[in-house]
Protein backbone atom coordinates (compact mmCIF):
# COMPACT_ATOMS: atom_id res chain seq x y z
CA MET A 1 117.05 15.11 125.34
CA GLU A 2 114.21 15.75 122.89
CA ASP A 3 111.89 16.17 125.90
CA LEU A 4 113.85 19.20 127.14
CA PRO A 5 112.53 22.70 126.36
CA GLU A 6 114.25 24.27 123.34
CA ALA A 7 115.36 27.27 125.40
CA LEU A 8 117.20 24.98 127.84
CA VAL A 9 118.91 23.03 125.03
CA THR A 10 119.99 26.32 123.44
CA GLU A 11 121.48 27.47 126.75
CA ILE A 12 123.42 24.20 127.06
CA LEU A 13 124.81 24.53 123.53
CA LYS A 14 125.91 28.12 124.21
CA ARG A 15 128.25 26.81 126.91
CA ILE A 16 130.05 24.51 124.47
CA THR A 17 132.92 26.37 122.81
CA SER A 18 134.65 23.59 120.85
CA THR A 19 133.68 23.66 117.17
CA SER A 20 134.33 19.93 116.77
CA ASP A 21 132.03 19.17 119.73
CA LEU A 22 129.29 21.37 118.27
CA ASN A 23 129.60 19.65 114.90
CA SER A 24 129.32 16.24 116.55
CA LEU A 25 126.29 17.26 118.60
CA SER A 26 124.51 18.59 115.54
CA LEU A 27 124.55 15.07 114.08
CA VAL A 28 122.79 13.48 117.07
CA SER A 29 119.26 14.63 116.18
CA LYS A 30 117.29 16.96 113.93
CA GLN A 31 116.46 19.10 116.96
CA LEU A 32 120.12 19.60 117.89
CA TYR A 33 121.03 20.19 114.25
CA LYS A 34 118.49 23.01 113.98
CA ILE A 35 119.20 24.62 117.34
CA GLU A 36 122.99 24.47 116.92
CA GLY A 37 122.75 26.02 113.47
CA ASN A 38 120.51 28.85 114.66
CA GLN A 39 122.81 29.83 117.50
CA ARG A 40 126.13 29.55 115.59
CA GLY A 41 127.35 33.10 115.05
CA ALA A 42 130.75 32.47 113.41
CA ILE A 43 132.24 29.95 110.98
CA HIS A 44 135.66 29.48 109.39
CA VAL A 45 135.84 27.72 106.03
CA GLY A 46 138.67 26.98 103.62
CA SER A 47 139.73 24.58 100.90
CA GLY A 48 136.95 22.15 101.78
CA LEU A 49 134.20 24.68 101.00
CA CYS A 50 131.98 23.40 98.20
CA THR A 51 131.26 26.21 95.75
CA ALA A 52 128.03 24.83 94.26
CA THR A 53 125.31 27.43 94.61
CA LYS A 54 122.85 24.92 96.10
CA ALA A 55 125.36 23.85 98.77
CA LEU A 56 126.18 27.44 99.69
CA THR A 57 122.48 28.28 99.95
CA SER A 58 121.97 25.29 102.28
CA LEU A 59 124.87 26.52 104.40
CA CYS A 60 123.28 29.96 104.75
CA VAL A 61 119.89 28.41 105.57
CA ARG A 62 121.44 26.36 108.36
CA PHE A 63 123.38 29.24 109.93
CA THR A 64 120.58 31.79 109.89
CA ASN A 65 122.18 34.12 112.46
CA LEU A 66 125.70 34.07 111.03
CA GLN A 67 127.54 37.24 112.02
CA LYS A 68 131.20 36.40 111.41
CA LEU A 69 132.51 34.58 108.34
CA GLU A 70 136.16 33.81 107.52
CA ILE A 71 137.05 32.24 104.17
CA ASP A 72 140.70 31.22 104.02
CA TYR A 73 142.31 29.46 101.04
CA SER A 74 145.91 29.63 102.28
CA GLY A 75 147.80 26.57 101.06
CA TRP A 76 145.19 25.93 98.36
CA ILE A 77 146.17 23.99 95.22
CA PRO A 78 143.96 23.15 92.19
CA GLY A 79 143.64 19.57 93.44
CA HIS A 80 141.60 20.84 96.39
CA GLY A 81 138.71 21.75 94.07
CA ASN A 82 137.21 25.06 93.04
CA GLN A 83 137.57 28.16 95.14
CA LEU A 84 134.70 30.39 96.17
CA ASP A 85 133.98 32.74 93.25
CA ASN A 86 131.86 35.86 92.66
CA LYS A 87 128.60 33.88 92.49
CA GLY A 88 129.37 32.19 95.77
CA LEU A 89 130.13 35.48 97.49
CA PHE A 90 126.82 36.82 96.17
CA VAL A 91 125.01 33.93 97.89
CA PHE A 92 126.62 34.75 101.23
CA SER A 93 126.09 38.51 100.94
CA SER A 94 122.45 38.25 99.86
CA GLN A 95 121.32 35.56 102.31
CA CYS A 96 123.38 36.22 105.43
CA SER A 97 121.57 39.38 106.46
CA SER A 98 123.15 39.45 109.94
CA LEU A 99 126.76 39.38 108.67
CA ILE A 100 128.90 42.02 110.41
CA ASP A 101 132.45 40.62 110.09
CA LEU A 102 133.96 39.17 106.88
CA THR A 103 137.51 37.99 106.15
CA LEU A 104 138.64 36.88 102.68
CA SER A 105 142.12 35.36 102.57
CA PHE A 106 143.88 34.08 99.43
CA CYS A 107 140.59 34.18 97.49
CA SER A 108 142.07 34.45 94.00
CA HIS A 109 138.76 33.83 92.17
CA ILE A 110 136.97 36.87 93.61
CA ASP A 111 137.28 40.15 91.72
CA ASP A 112 135.68 43.60 91.87
CA SER A 113 132.26 42.42 90.70
CA GLY A 114 132.16 39.86 93.49
CA LEU A 115 133.28 42.38 96.09
CA GLY A 116 130.57 44.72 94.88
CA CYS A 117 128.01 42.17 96.10
CA LEU A 118 128.88 43.19 99.64
CA ALA A 119 126.71 46.26 99.14
CA HIS A 120 123.88 43.91 100.20
CA CYS A 121 125.53 43.60 103.63
CA LYS A 122 124.13 46.74 105.21
CA LYS A 123 125.22 45.60 108.68
CA LEU A 124 128.83 44.83 107.69
CA VAL A 125 131.14 46.47 110.23
CA SER A 126 134.51 44.82 109.57
CA LEU A 127 136.12 43.71 106.27
CA ARG A 128 139.55 42.08 105.95
CA LEU A 129 141.09 41.38 102.56
CA ASN A 130 144.28 39.32 102.71
CA SER A 131 146.09 38.38 99.49
CA THR A 132 143.12 38.93 97.18
CA PRO A 133 145.05 39.55 93.92
CA GLN A 134 142.09 40.51 91.68
CA ILE A 135 140.70 43.32 93.85
CA THR A 136 141.27 46.90 92.62
CA LEU A 137 140.07 50.35 93.66
CA VAL A 138 136.77 49.70 91.81
CA GLY A 139 135.76 46.94 94.20
CA LEU A 140 136.88 48.88 97.26
CA PHE A 141 134.93 51.93 96.15
CA SER A 142 131.80 49.77 95.82
CA VAL A 143 132.30 48.63 99.41
CA ALA A 144 132.90 52.18 100.63
CA VAL A 145 129.66 53.39 99.06
CA GLY A 146 127.45 50.37 99.76
CA CYS A 147 128.56 49.23 103.22
CA THR A 148 127.40 52.23 105.21
CA SER A 149 128.08 50.61 108.62
CA LEU A 150 131.74 49.81 107.87
CA SER A 151 134.07 50.87 110.69
CA ALA A 152 137.10 48.56 110.23
CA LEU A 153 139.03 47.86 107.01
CA HIS A 154 142.16 45.72 106.63
CA LEU A 155 144.07 45.47 103.32
CA ILE A 156 147.03 43.08 103.28
CA ASP A 157 149.05 42.09 100.19
CA CYS A 158 146.48 43.49 97.76
CA GLU A 159 148.72 44.04 94.74
CA LYS A 160 146.27 45.69 92.32
CA ILE A 161 145.09 48.52 94.55
CA ASP A 162 146.90 51.51 93.09
CA SER A 163 144.54 54.44 93.64
CA VAL A 164 142.64 55.71 96.65
CA GLU A 165 139.32 57.27 95.66
CA TRP A 166 137.78 54.80 98.12
CA LEU A 167 139.96 56.28 100.88
CA GLU A 168 138.81 59.80 100.06
CA TYR A 169 135.17 58.68 100.15
CA LEU A 170 135.57 56.91 103.51
CA GLY A 171 137.28 60.00 104.87
CA ARG A 172 134.34 62.20 103.93
CA ASP A 173 131.92 59.69 105.42
CA GLY A 174 133.89 59.69 108.66
CA SER A 175 132.71 56.29 109.94
CA LEU A 176 136.00 54.37 109.84
CA GLU A 177 137.56 53.68 113.25
CA GLU A 178 140.18 51.11 112.23
CA LEU A 179 142.37 51.15 109.11
CA VAL A 180 145.18 48.66 108.40
CA VAL A 181 147.17 48.72 105.15
CA LYS A 182 150.12 46.33 104.76
CA ASN A 183 152.27 45.42 101.76
CA CYS A 184 150.05 47.13 99.18
CA LYS A 185 152.73 48.50 96.87
CA GLY A 186 150.32 50.85 95.07
CA ILE A 187 149.56 52.81 98.27
CA ASN A 188 152.11 55.19 99.80
CA HIS A 189 152.02 57.51 102.81
CA GLN A 190 151.07 60.54 100.69
CA ASP A 191 147.78 58.84 99.78
CA PHE A 192 146.56 59.07 103.37
CA LEU A 193 146.28 62.83 103.01
CA LYS A 194 143.10 62.06 101.06
CA PHE A 195 141.57 60.50 104.15
CA GLY A 196 141.11 64.08 105.37
CA SER A 197 138.54 64.52 108.14
CA GLY A 198 138.35 60.74 108.52
CA TRP A 199 141.40 60.97 110.78
CA MET A 200 139.27 62.65 113.45
CA LYS A 201 137.40 59.42 114.30
CA LEU A 202 140.13 56.88 113.53
CA GLN A 203 141.25 54.95 116.62
CA LYS A 204 143.61 52.37 115.08
CA PHE A 205 145.96 52.89 112.14
CA GLU A 206 148.63 50.56 110.76
CA PHE A 207 150.68 51.21 107.66
CA GLU A 208 153.47 48.99 106.41
CA ARG A 209 155.30 49.09 103.11
CA LYS A 210 156.88 46.04 101.54
CA ARG A 211 160.36 45.28 102.82
CA GLY A 212 162.96 47.11 100.80
CA ILE A 213 160.47 49.75 99.59
CA TYR A 214 160.58 52.97 101.61
CA ASP A 215 157.92 55.65 101.44
CA TYR A 216 159.82 58.77 100.46
CA ASN A 217 159.96 61.11 97.51
CA ALA A 218 162.44 63.99 97.72
CA HIS A 219 160.39 66.07 95.28
CA SER A 220 157.06 65.67 97.10
CA MET A 221 157.17 67.44 100.46
CA TYR A 222 153.61 66.70 101.62
CA ILE A 223 152.78 68.16 105.03
CA TYR A 224 150.24 66.32 107.17
CA ASP A 225 147.99 68.94 108.77
CA PHE A 226 144.94 67.25 110.26
CA CYS A 227 143.38 66.27 113.58
CA CYS A 228 143.92 62.70 114.80
CA GLU A 229 143.25 63.12 118.51
CA SER A 230 141.14 59.93 118.72
CA LEU A 231 144.00 57.67 117.58
CA LYS A 232 144.87 55.12 120.28
CA ASN A 233 146.88 52.49 118.37
CA LEU A 234 149.49 53.39 115.76
CA ARG A 235 151.91 51.16 113.86
CA LEU A 236 154.27 52.35 111.11
CA ALA A 237 156.77 50.09 109.36
CA HIS A 238 159.23 50.48 106.49
CA ILE A 239 158.67 54.16 105.78
CA LYS A 240 161.06 57.07 105.36
CA THR A 241 160.05 60.69 105.91
CA TRP A 242 161.52 64.01 107.04
CA PRO A 243 160.52 66.40 109.86
CA GLU A 244 157.08 68.00 109.35
CA ILE A 245 156.52 65.73 106.34
CA GLY A 246 154.49 62.58 105.89
CA LEU A 247 153.32 60.18 108.57
CA ARG A 248 156.20 61.06 110.88
CA VAL A 249 154.44 64.30 111.85
CA VAL A 250 151.46 62.26 113.09
CA LEU A 251 153.48 61.31 116.19
CA GLY A 252 153.10 64.76 117.71
CA LYS A 253 149.34 64.95 117.08
CA CYS A 254 148.00 61.79 118.74
CA LYS A 255 147.05 63.02 122.20
CA ALA A 256 144.98 59.89 122.98
CA LEU A 257 147.70 57.46 121.81
CA GLU A 258 148.08 54.37 124.03
CA ASN A 259 150.09 51.89 121.96
CA LEU A 260 152.84 52.67 119.44
CA TRP A 261 154.88 50.41 117.17
CA LEU A 262 157.65 51.85 114.95
CA GLU A 263 159.64 49.43 112.79
CA TYR A 264 162.28 50.50 110.26
CA VAL A 265 161.07 54.10 110.25
CA ARG A 266 163.95 55.96 108.57
CA ALA A 267 165.04 59.44 109.75
CA LEU A 268 163.32 59.15 113.16
CA ASN A 269 165.34 61.02 115.82
CA ASP A 270 165.35 62.10 119.47
CA ASN A 271 163.28 65.22 118.77
CA ASP A 272 160.42 63.04 117.56
CA MET A 273 160.49 61.02 120.76
CA ILE A 274 160.58 64.20 122.86
CA ALA A 275 157.55 65.59 121.00
CA LEU A 276 155.81 62.27 121.50
CA SER A 277 156.42 62.27 125.26
CA ARG A 278 155.08 65.81 125.60
CA SER A 279 151.87 65.27 123.66
CA CYS A 280 150.93 61.63 124.46
CA SER A 281 150.32 61.44 128.20
CA ASN A 282 148.18 58.28 127.82
CA LEU A 283 150.93 56.19 126.19
CA LYS A 284 151.05 52.72 127.76
CA SER A 285 153.42 50.83 125.47
CA ILE A 286 155.99 51.63 122.80
CA SER A 287 157.93 49.27 120.54
CA LEU A 288 160.88 50.47 118.44
C-alpha cells in the first residue's frame, strides 16, 4: 500500500466512517498514521484523555485539520485520572487553528480563565457548554468578544451564570443564529429582552427552566417588542407568562416558524394558538 499515491490513499480513508477502523488503520504504517491524522476532522474524547501538556500538544500535531472537538467527562470519578484543565484548553485553542465546533461536557476543572482562551479560536462557529459548574458571565463575555465568528451557543446546566452582559453584547453584534439555554437557574425570560436586535437574525431558540421553577414575576410586566421574523425553530419549557408579556408574545411574531415545541408553558390558551395559526403559515410541526 505504500506504493500507492498519497491522494489515492487519502480518498480511500475518506470512505471509512468507523472510528475504530480508522484507529486500527493508523497503526499499520507511518504513512497511514500521518494521512489518517491529517484528514480527521472530528474527535470525541473523555475520561481517558491525558492532560499532560506534551501529550495534548502531540494530539494537536497529529490532527492538524481538526474542526470539531467534543470533550465529555460524564460519569467521571477521581480514579479515572485528571480532567482537562485551563492549561489543556489553552493548548487546544492555540494550536487547533481550524477548530469551528467545540463541546465541553461535565468539565469541572475549567473556569472563566480557561474559557477565555477560546478567544484564540477566531474560526469558532459553535460552542456547547454542558454542566460546566465553574463558568460564569465573565468567561461567556470573553467568548462573546473574542470569538467573532460564533453563530451557535448552547448553555445547559450552567449553575453560576447569573447575569447576561454577554447576551447583550451578542445581541448588538447580531451574528448569533442559534441560542439554547436550559436549566440555568440564574437566567430568566426577562433577560432575553437584552438580546435586542439579535432576535432579527436568530433562527433557532430554546429556553427551558428547571423543573418546578416557573419564569414569572407578578411585579415585572416586561413586554417583548422586537422583530424575530427569521426564527424557524422555537422550544419553550417550564415557563409561565401572561398575554402580551414575556416569551409568550413571541408566538405571534415568528412568521418564518417551522417547528414549535411547548412544554409546561403555563397560562397558554386558545387565543395564542389562533394568533399562531394566523401568523405562521410555514409551520410544519407542533408539539404541546
